[in-house]
Amino acid sequence: MSPTKNTEIQDFYQDTGVFITGGTGTLGKLTIEKILRSCPGVKRGYVLIRSKEGLSVEERKKTLLDNVVRFPISSQIVIYYN
């Protein structure tokens, strides 16, 4: 059986880092999960989180990490906040 060919999107993200703002929202969570699932060549993910609606950055980070499906790269997600 021949090896599968990468899609254009997989080639685009191969050996890259991805910076995501709004990653704790509905679309952000879906985007993070889709990238992790579809693009195994992504080397690192960066997520910018801010406090909002009475929740601290740490609380929002925990919620995000609890809701994102675990993939090998998930250990390489870097969370930025102030």
PDB file of N, CA and C in Angstrom:
ATOM      1  N   MET A   1       0.842  -1.173   0.000  1.00  0.00           N
ATOM      2  CA  MET A   1       0.000   0.000   0.000  1.00  0.00           C
ATOM      3  C   MET A   1       0.892   1.243   0.000  1.00  0.00           C
ATOM      4  N   SER A   2       0.580   2.195  -0.843  1.00  0.00           N
ATOM      5  CA  SER A   2       1.411   3.399  -0.946  1.00  0.00           C
ATOM      6  C   SER A   2       1.110   4.351   0.206  1.00  0.00           C
ATOM      7  N   PRO A   3       2.126   5.134   0.624  1.00  0.00           N
ATOM      8  CA  PRO A   3       1.903   6.089   1.711  1.00  0.00           C
ATOM      9  C   PRO A   3       0.923   7.178   1.260  1.00  0.00           C
ATOM     10  N   THR A   4       0.150   7.690   2.214  1.00  0.00           N
ATOM     11  CA  THR A   4      -0.811   8.735   1.862  1.00  0.00           C
ATOM     12  C   THR A   4      -0.099  10.061   1.676  1.00  0.00           C
ATOM     13  N   LYS A   5      -0.609  10.850   0.770  1.00  0.00           N
ATOM     14  CA  LYS A   5      -0.038  12.160   0.470  1.00  0.00           C
ATOM     15  C   LYS A   5      -0.665  13.191   1.398  1.00  0.00           C
ATOM     16  N   ASN A   6       0.144  14.118   1.890  1.00  0.00           N
ATOM     17  CA  ASN A   6      -0.370  15.196   2.726  1.00  0.00           C
ATOM     18  C   ASN A   6      -1.263  16.115   1.915  1.00  0.00           C
ATOM     19  N   THR A   7      -2.238  16.708   2.593  1.00  0.00           N
ATOM     20  CA  THR A   7      -3.067  17.718   1.954  1.00  0.00           C
ATOM     21  C   THR A   7      -2.284  19.024   1.901  1.00  0.00           C
ATOM     22  N   GLU A   8      -2.803  19.990   1.168  1.00  0.00           N
ATOM     23  CA  GLU A   8      -2.141  21.306   1.101  1.00  0.00           C
ATOM     24  C   GLU A   8      -2.071  21.945   2.475  1.00  0.00           C
ATOM     25  N   ILE A   9      -3.108  21.768   3.266  1.00  0.00           N
ATOM     26  CA  ILE A   9      -3.119  22.354   4.612  1.00  0.00           C
ATOM     27  C   ILE A   9      -2.089  21.676   5.497  1.00  0.00           C
ATOM     28  N   GLN A  10      -1.976  20.362   5.428  1.00  0.00           N
ATOM     29  CA  GLN A  10      -0.957  19.660   6.209  1.00  0.00           C
ATOM     30  C   GLN A  10       0.438  20.105   5.795  1.00  0.00           C
ATOM     31  N   ASP A  11       0.663  20.281   4.502  1.00  0.00           N
ATOM     32  CA  ASP A  11       1.963  20.770   4.023  1.00  0.00           C
ATOM     33  C   ASP A  11       2.236  22.182   4.531  1.00  0.00           C
ATOM     34  N   PHE A  12       1.206  23.028   4.543  1.00  0.00           N
ATOM     35  CA  PHE A  12       1.363  24.415   4.993  1.00  0.00           C
ATOM     36  C   PHE A  12       1.804  24.467   6.458  1.00  0.00           C
ATOM     37  N   TYR A  13       1.197  23.636   7.309  1.00  0.00           N
ATOM     38  CA  TYR A  13       1.494  23.646   8.739  1.00  0.00           C
ATOM     39  C   TYR A  13       2.643  22.734   9.148  1.00  0.00           C
ATOM     40  N   GLN A  14       3.227  21.994   8.222  1.00  0.00           N
ATOM     41  CA  GLN A  14       4.321  21.079   8.529  1.00  0.00           C
ATOM     42  C   GLN A  14       5.501  21.824   9.159  1.00  0.00           C
ATOM     43  N   ASP A  15       5.974  21.345  10.296  1.00  0.00           N
ATOM     44  CA  ASP A  15       7.140  21.896  11.005  1.00  0.00           C
ATOM     45  C   ASP A  15       6.969  23.366  11.383  1.00  0.00           C
ATOM     46  N   THR A  16       5.748  23.776  11.724  1.00  0.00           N
ATOM     47  CA  THR A  16       5.499  25.166  12.100  1.00  0.00           C
ATOM     48  C   THR A  16       4.963  25.244  13.518  1.00  0.00           C
ATOM     49  N   GLY A  17       4.898  26.455  14.014  1.00  0.00           N
ATOM     50  CA  GLY A  17       4.207  26.761  15.253  1.00  0.00           C
ATOM     51  C   GLY A  17       2.960  27.543  14.890  1.00  0.00           C
ATOM     52  N   VAL A  18       1.921  27.406  15.697  1.00  0.00           N
ATOM     53  CA  VAL A  18       0.660  28.084  15.428  1.00  0.00           C
ATOM     54  C   VAL A  18       0.321  28.945  16.637  1.00  0.00           C
ATOM     55  N   PHE A  19       0.022  30.237  16.397  1.00  0.00           N
ATOM     56  CA  PHE A  19      -0.362  31.172  17.455  1.00  0.00           C
ATOM     57  C   PHE A  19      -1.850  31.449  17.312  1.00  0.00           C
ATOM     58  N   ILE A  20      -2.604  31.194  18.372  1.00  0.00           N
ATOM     59  CA  ILE A  20      -4.053  31.356  18.315  1.00  0.00           C
ATOM     60  C   ILE A  20      -4.502  32.327  19.402  1.00  0.00           C
ATOM     61  N   THR A  21      -5.266  33.337  18.987  1.00  0.00           N
ATOM     62  CA  THR A  21      -5.946  34.203  19.944  1.00  0.00           C
ATOM     63  C   THR A  21      -7.405  33.787  19.947  1.00  0.00           C
ATOM     64  N   GLY A  22      -8.068  33.963  21.048  1.00  0.00           N
ATOM     65  CA  GLY A  22      -9.468  33.552  21.134  1.00  0.00           C
ATOM     66  C   GLY A  22      -9.622  32.048  21.253  1.00  0.00           C
ATOM     67  N   GLY A  23      -8.594  31.371  21.707  1.00  0.00           N
ATOM     68  CA  GLY A  23      -8.611  29.920  21.772  1.00  0.00           C
ATOM     69  C   GLY A  23      -9.533  29.339  22.824  1.00  0.00           C
ATOM     70  N   THR A  24     -10.036  30.158  23.749  1.00  0.00           N
ATOM     71  CA  THR A  24     -10.917  29.635  24.783  1.00  0.00           C
ATOM     72  C   THR A  24     -12.386  29.715  24.379  1.00  0.00           C
ATOM     73  N   GLY A  25     -12.671  30.387  23.276  1.00  0.00           N
ATOM     74  CA  GLY A  25     -14.047  30.467  22.788  1.00  0.00           C
ATOM     75  C   GLY A  25     -14.427  29.215  22.016  1.00  0.00           C
ATOM     76  N   THR A  26     -15.662  29.158  21.609  1.00  0.00           N
ATOM     77  CA  THR A  26     -16.170  27.978  20.910  1.00  0.00           C
ATOM     78  C   THR A  26     -15.388  27.712  19.630  1.00  0.00           C
ATOM     79  N   LEU A  27     -15.254  28.714  18.785  1.00  0.00           N
ATOM     80  CA  LEU A  27     -14.524  28.518  17.529  1.00  0.00           C
ATOM     81  C   LEU A  27     -13.043  28.260  17.774  1.00  0.00           C
ATOM     82  N   GLY A  28     -12.491  28.912  18.785  1.00  0.00           N
ATOM     83  CA  GLY A  28     -11.082  28.696  19.107  1.00  0.00           C
ATOM     84  C   GLY A  28     -10.800  27.271  19.525  1.00  0.00           C
ATOM     85  N   LYS A  29     -11.656  26.712  20.362  1.00  0.00           N
ATOM     86  CA  LYS A  29     -11.490  25.323  20.797  1.00  0.00           C
ATOM     87  C   LYS A  29     -11.603  24.373  19.609  1.00  0.00           C
ATOM     88  N   LEU A  30     -12.576  24.634  18.738  1.00  0.00           N
ATOM     89  CA  LEU A  30     -12.730  23.800  17.548  1.00  0.00           C
ATOM     90  C   LEU A  30     -11.517  23.905  16.630  1.00  0.00           C
ATOM     91  N   THR A  31     -10.992  25.120  16.494  1.00  0.00           N
ATOM     92  CA  THR A  31      -9.807  25.329  15.647  1.00  0.00           C
ATOM     93  C   THR A  31      -8.599  24.590  16.208  1.00  0.00           C
ATOM     94  N   ILE A  32      -8.378  24.707  17.502  1.00  0.00           N
ATOM     95  CA  ILE A  32      -7.250  24.008  18.134  1.00  0.00           C
ATOM     96  C   ILE A  32      -7.385  22.504  17.939  1.00  0.00           C
ATOM     97  N   GLU A  33      -8.573  21.975  18.204  1.00  0.00           N
ATOM     98  CA  GLU A  33      -8.762  20.536  18.057  1.00  0.00           C
ATOM     99  C   GLU A  33      -8.576  20.096  16.606  1.00  0.00           C
ATOM    100  N   LYS A  34      -9.090  20.867  15.665  1.00  0.00           N
ATOM    101  CA  LYS A  34      -8.961  20.511  14.248  1.00  0.00           C
ATOM    102  C   LYS A  34      -7.495  20.517  13.815  1.00  0.00           C
ATOM    103  N   ILE A  35      -6.739  21.506  14.238  1.00  0.00           N
ATOM    104  CA  ILE A  35      -5.313  21.563  13.890  1.00  0.00           C
ATOM    105  C   ILE A  35      -4.575  20.382  14.498  1.00  0.00           C
ATOM    106  N   LEU A  36      -4.857  20.083  15.771  1.00  0.00           N
ATOM    107  CA  LEU A  36      -4.187  18.966  16.425  1.00  0.00           C
ATOM    108  C   LEU A  36      -4.533  17.638  15.756  1.00  0.00           C
ATOM    109  N   ARG A  37      -5.783  17.489  15.345  1.00  0.00           N
ATOM    110  CA  ARG A  37      -6.234  16.237  14.751  1.00  0.00           C
ATOM    111  C   ARG A  37      -5.746  16.086  13.298  1.00  0.00           C
ATOM    112  N   SER A  38      -5.778  17.162  12.535  1.00  0.00           N
ATOM    113  CA  SER A  38      -5.543  17.073  11.092  1.00  0.00           C
ATOM    114  C   SER A  38      -4.111  17.347  10.655  1.00  0.00           C
ATOM    115  N   CYS A  39      -3.344  18.020  11.488  1.00  0.00           N
ATOM    116  CA  CYS A  39      -2.012  18.448  11.076  1.00  0.00           C
ATOM    117  C   CYS A  39      -0.955  17.962  12.076  1.00  0.00           C
ATOM    118  N   PRO A  40      -0.597  16.698  11.989  1.00  0.00           N
ATOM    119  CA  PRO A  40       0.362  16.145  12.948  1.00  0.00           C
ATOM    120  C   PRO A  40       1.756  16.765  12.839  1.00  0.00           C
ATOM    121  N   GLY A  41       2.027  17.485  11.752  1.00  0.00           N
ATOM    122  CA  GLY A  41       3.341  18.091  11.571  1.00  0.00           C
ATOM    123  C   GLY A  41       3.538  19.395  12.313  1.00  0.00           C
ATOM    124  N   VAL A  42       2.485  19.923  12.966  1.00  0.00           N
ATOM    125  CA  VAL A  42       2.618  21.155  13.748  1.00  0.00           C
ATOM    126  C   VAL A  42       3.528  20.862  14.936  1.00  0.00           C
ATOM    127  N   LYS A  43       4.551  21.674  15.089  1.00  0.00           N
ATOM    128  CA  LYS A  43       5.541  21.433  16.148  1.00  0.00           C
ATOM    129  C   LYS A  43       5.132  22.013  17.497  1.00  0.00           C
ATOM    130  N   ARG A  44       4.465  23.161  17.486  1.00  0.00           N
ATOM    131  CA  ARG A  44       4.120  23.811  18.748  1.00  0.00           C
ATOM    132  C   ARG A  44       2.898  24.695  18.547  1.00  0.00           C
ATOM    133  N   GLY A  45       2.061  24.755  19.585  1.00  0.00           N
ATOM    134  CA  GLY A  45       0.901  25.637  19.556  1.00  0.00           C
ATOM    135  C   GLY A  45       1.013  26.678  20.659  1.00  0.00           C
ATOM    136  N   TYR A  46       0.669  27.911  20.333  1.00  0.00           N
ATOM    137  CA  TYR A  46       0.688  29.012  21.289  1.00  0.00           C
ATOM    138  C   TYR A  46      -0.728  29.567  21.394  1.00  0.00           C
ATOM    139  N   VAL A  47      -1.221  29.729  22.618  1.00  0.00           N
ATOM    140  CA  VAL A  47      -2.568  30.235  22.827  1.00  0.00           C
ATOM    141  C   VAL A  47      -2.488  31.444  23.750  1.00  0.00           C
ATOM    142  N   LEU A  48      -3.075  32.558  23.320  1.00  0.00           N
ATOM    143  CA  LEU A  48      -3.139  33.769  24.138  1.00  0.00           C
ATOM    144  C   LEU A  48      -4.457  33.754  24.901  1.00  0.00           C
ATOM    145  N   ILE A  49      -4.377  33.869  26.230  1.00  0.00           N
ATOM    146  CA  ILE A  49      -5.576  33.843  27.076  1.00  0.00           C
ATOM    147  C   ILE A  49      -5.598  35.094  27.945  1.00  0.00           C
ATOM    148  N   ARG A  50      -6.788  35.662  28.096  1.00  0.00           N
ATOM    149  CA  ARG A  50      -6.951  36.804  29.002  1.00  0.00           C
ATOM    150  C   ARG A  50      -8.062  36.482  29.990  1.00  0.00           C
ATOM    151  N   SER A  51      -8.078  37.207  31.105  1.00  0.00           N
ATOM    152  CA  SER A  51      -9.165  37.004  32.059  1.00  0.00           C
ATOM    153  C   SER A  51     -10.441  37.608  31.474  1.00  0.00           C
ATOM    154  N   LYS A  52     -11.575  37.049  31.880  1.00  0.00           N
ATOM    155  CA  LYS A  52     -12.840  37.524  31.320  1.00  0.00           C
ATOM    156  C   LYS A  52     -13.989  37.035  32.184  1.00  0.00           C
ATOM    157  N   GLU A  53     -15.008  37.872  32.332  1.00  0.00           N
ATOM    158  CA  GLU A  53     -16.258  37.511  32.998  1.00  0.00           C
ATOM    159  C   GLU A  53     -16.047  36.876  34.374  1.00  0.00           C
ATOM    160  N   GLY A  54     -15.172  37.464  35.165  1.00  0.00           N
ATOM    161  CA  GLY A  54     -14.962  36.972  36.512  1.00  0.00           C
ATOM    162  C   GLY A  54     -14.120  35.717  36.619  1.00  0.00           C
ATOM    163  N   LEU A  55     -13.599  35.222  35.505  1.00  0.00           N
ATOM    164  CA  LEU A  55     -12.738  34.041  35.527  1.00  0.00           C
ATOM    165  C   LEU A  55     -11.293  34.463  35.352  1.00  0.00           C
ATOM    166  N   SER A  56     -10.426  33.894  36.160  1.00  0.00           N
ATOM    167  CA  SER A  56      -9.006  34.203  36.027  1.00  0.00           C
ATOM    168  C   SER A  56      -8.435  33.483  34.809  1.00  0.00           C
ATOM    169  N   VAL A  57      -7.257  33.893  34.417  1.00  0.00           N
ATOM    170  CA  VAL A  57      -6.575  33.247  33.297  1.00  0.00           C
ATOM    171  C   VAL A  57      -6.337  31.775  33.605  1.00  0.00           C
ATOM    172  N   GLU A  58      -5.941  31.476  34.830  1.00  0.00           N
ATOM    173  CA  GLU A  58      -5.689  30.084  35.221  1.00  0.00           C
ATOM    174  C   GLU A  58      -6.945  29.229  35.103  1.00  0.00           C
ATOM    175  N   GLU A  59      -8.090  29.776  35.500  1.00  0.00           N
ATOM    176  CA  GLU A  59      -9.347  29.028  35.401  1.00  0.00           C
ATOM    177  C   GLU A  59      -9.702  28.767  33.931  1.00  0.00           C
ATOM    178  N   ARG A  60      -9.518  29.776  33.092  1.00  0.00           N
ATOM    179  CA  ARG A  60      -9.819  29.623  31.671  1.00  0.00           C
ATOM    180  C   ARG A  60      -8.846  28.644  31.007  1.00  0.00           C
ATOM    181  N   LYS A  61      -7.590  28.679  31.441  1.00  0.00           N
ATOM    182  CA  LYS A  61      -6.593  27.738  30.914  1.00  0.00           C
ATOM    183  C   LYS A  61      -6.976  26.302  31.274  1.00  0.00           C
ATOM    184  N   LYS A  62      -7.365  26.079  32.539  1.00  0.00           N
ATOM    185  CA  LYS A  62      -7.756  24.738  32.963  1.00  0.00           C
ATOM    186  C   LYS A  62      -8.958  24.247  32.167  1.00  0.00           C
ATOM    187  N   THR A  63      -9.947  25.102  31.980  1.00  0.00           N
ATOM    188  CA  THR A  63     -11.126  24.732  31.198  1.00  0.00           C
ATOM    189  C   THR A  63     -10.739  24.382  29.769  1.00  0.00           C
ATOM    190  N   LEU A  64      -9.861  25.179  29.175  1.00  0.00           N
ATOM    191  CA  LEU A  64      -9.416  24.912  27.799  1.00  0.00           C
ATOM    192  C   LEU A  64      -8.725  23.560  27.719  1.00  0.00           C
ATOM    193  N   LEU A  65      -7.780  23.306  28.596  1.00  0.00           N
ATOM    194  CA  LEU A  65      -7.025  22.056  28.540  1.00  0.00           C
ATOM    195  C   LEU A  65      -7.887  20.846  28.893  1.00  0.00           C
ATOM    196  N   ASP A  66      -8.899  21.036  29.727  1.00  0.00           N
ATOM    197  CA  ASP A  66      -9.819  19.937  30.052  1.00  0.00           C
ATOM    198  C   ASP A  66     -10.719  19.588  28.871  1.00  0.00           C
ATOM    199  N   ASN A  67     -10.989  20.581  28.007  1.00  0.00           N
ATOM    200  CA  ASN A  67     -11.927  20.378  26.907  1.00  0.00           C
ATOM    201  C   ASN A  67     -11.277  20.009  25.584  1.00  0.00           C
ATOM    202  N   VAL A  68      -9.991  20.242  25.438  1.00  0.00           N
ATOM    203  CA  VAL A  68      -9.316  19.915  24.186  1.00  0.00           C
ATOM    204  C   VAL A  68      -8.894  18.451  24.242  1.00  0.00           C
ATOM    205  N   VAL A  69      -9.244  17.713  23.217  1.00  0.00           N
ATOM    206  CA  VAL A  69      -8.882  16.293  23.151  1.00  0.00           C
ATOM    207  C   VAL A  69      -7.366  16.174  23.196  1.00  0.00           C
ATOM    208  N   ARG A  70      -6.866  15.192  23.903  1.00  0.00           N
ATOM    209  CA  ARG A  70      -5.416  15.007  24.065  1.00  0.00           C
ATOM    210  C   ARG A  70      -4.791  14.379  22.819  1.00  0.00           C
ATOM    211  N   PHE A  71      -3.774  15.013  22.332  1.00  0.00           N
ATOM    212  CA  PHE A  71      -2.997  14.534  21.199  1.00  0.00           C
ATOM    213  C   PHE A  71      -1.526  14.644  21.586  1.00  0.00           C
ATOM    214  N   PRO A  72      -0.637  13.985  20.849  1.00  0.00           N
ATOM    215  CA  PRO A  72       0.785  14.086  21.197  1.00  0.00           C
ATOM    216  C   PRO A  72       1.278  15.531  21.297  1.00  0.00           C
ATOM    217  N   ILE A  73       0.810  16.418  20.435  1.00  0.00           N
ATOM    218  CA  ILE A  73       1.281  17.809  20.481  1.00  0.00           C
ATOM    219  C   ILE A  73       0.704  18.568  21.667  1.00  0.00           C
ATOM    220  N   SER A  74      -0.372  18.071  22.280  1.00  0.00           N
ATOM    221  CA  SER A  74      -1.004  18.830  23.352  1.00  0.00           C
ATOM    222  C   SER A  74      -0.029  19.126  24.493  1.00  0.00           C
ATOM    223  N   SER A  75       1.011  18.323  24.633  1.00  0.00           N
ATOM    224  CA  SER A  75       2.021  18.608  25.651  1.00  0.00           C
ATOM    225  C   SER A  75       2.920  19.768  25.224  1.00  0.00           C
ATOM    226  N   GLN A  76       2.820  20.175  23.965  1.00  0.00           N
ATOM    227  CA  GLN A  76       3.643  21.268  23.456  1.00  0.00           C
ATOM    228  C   GLN A  76       2.843  22.555  23.283  1.00  0.00           C
ATOM    229  N   ILE A  77       1.621  22.613  23.794  1.00  0.00           N
ATOM    230  CA  ILE A  77       0.846  23.843  23.732  1.00  0.00           C
ATOM    231  C   ILE A  77       1.370  24.774  24.807  1.00  0.00           C
ATOM    232  N   VAL A  78       1.712  25.973  24.427  1.00  0.00           N
ATOM    233  CA  VAL A  78       2.232  26.978  25.342  1.00  0.00           C
ATOM    234  C   VAL A  78       1.136  28.017  25.562  1.00  0.00           C
ATOM    235  N   ILE A  79       0.823  28.308  26.811  1.00  0.00           N
ATOM    236  CA  ILE A  79      -0.222  29.266  27.141  1.00  0.00           C
ATOM    237  C   ILE A  79       0.433  30.584  27.561  1.00  0.00           C
ATOM    238  N   TYR A  80       0.071  31.682  26.900  1.00  0.00           N
ATOM    239  CA  TYR A  80       0.579  33.001  27.252  1.00  0.00           C
ATOM    240  C   TYR A  80      -0.527  33.793  27.933  1.00  0.00           C
ATOM    241  N   TYR A  81      -0.182  34.477  28.993  1.00  0.00           N
ATOM    242  CA  TYR A  81      -1.157  35.325  29.670  1.00  0.00           C
ATOM    243  C   TYR A  81      -0.402  36.341  30.512  1.00  0.00           C
ATOM    244  N   ASN A  82      -1.143  37.358  30.945  1.00  0.00           N
ATOM    245  CA  ASN A  82      -0.549  38.323  31.874  1.00  0.00           C
ATOM    246  C   ASN A  82      -1.479  38.596  33.018  1.00  0.00           C
TER     247      ASN A  82
END
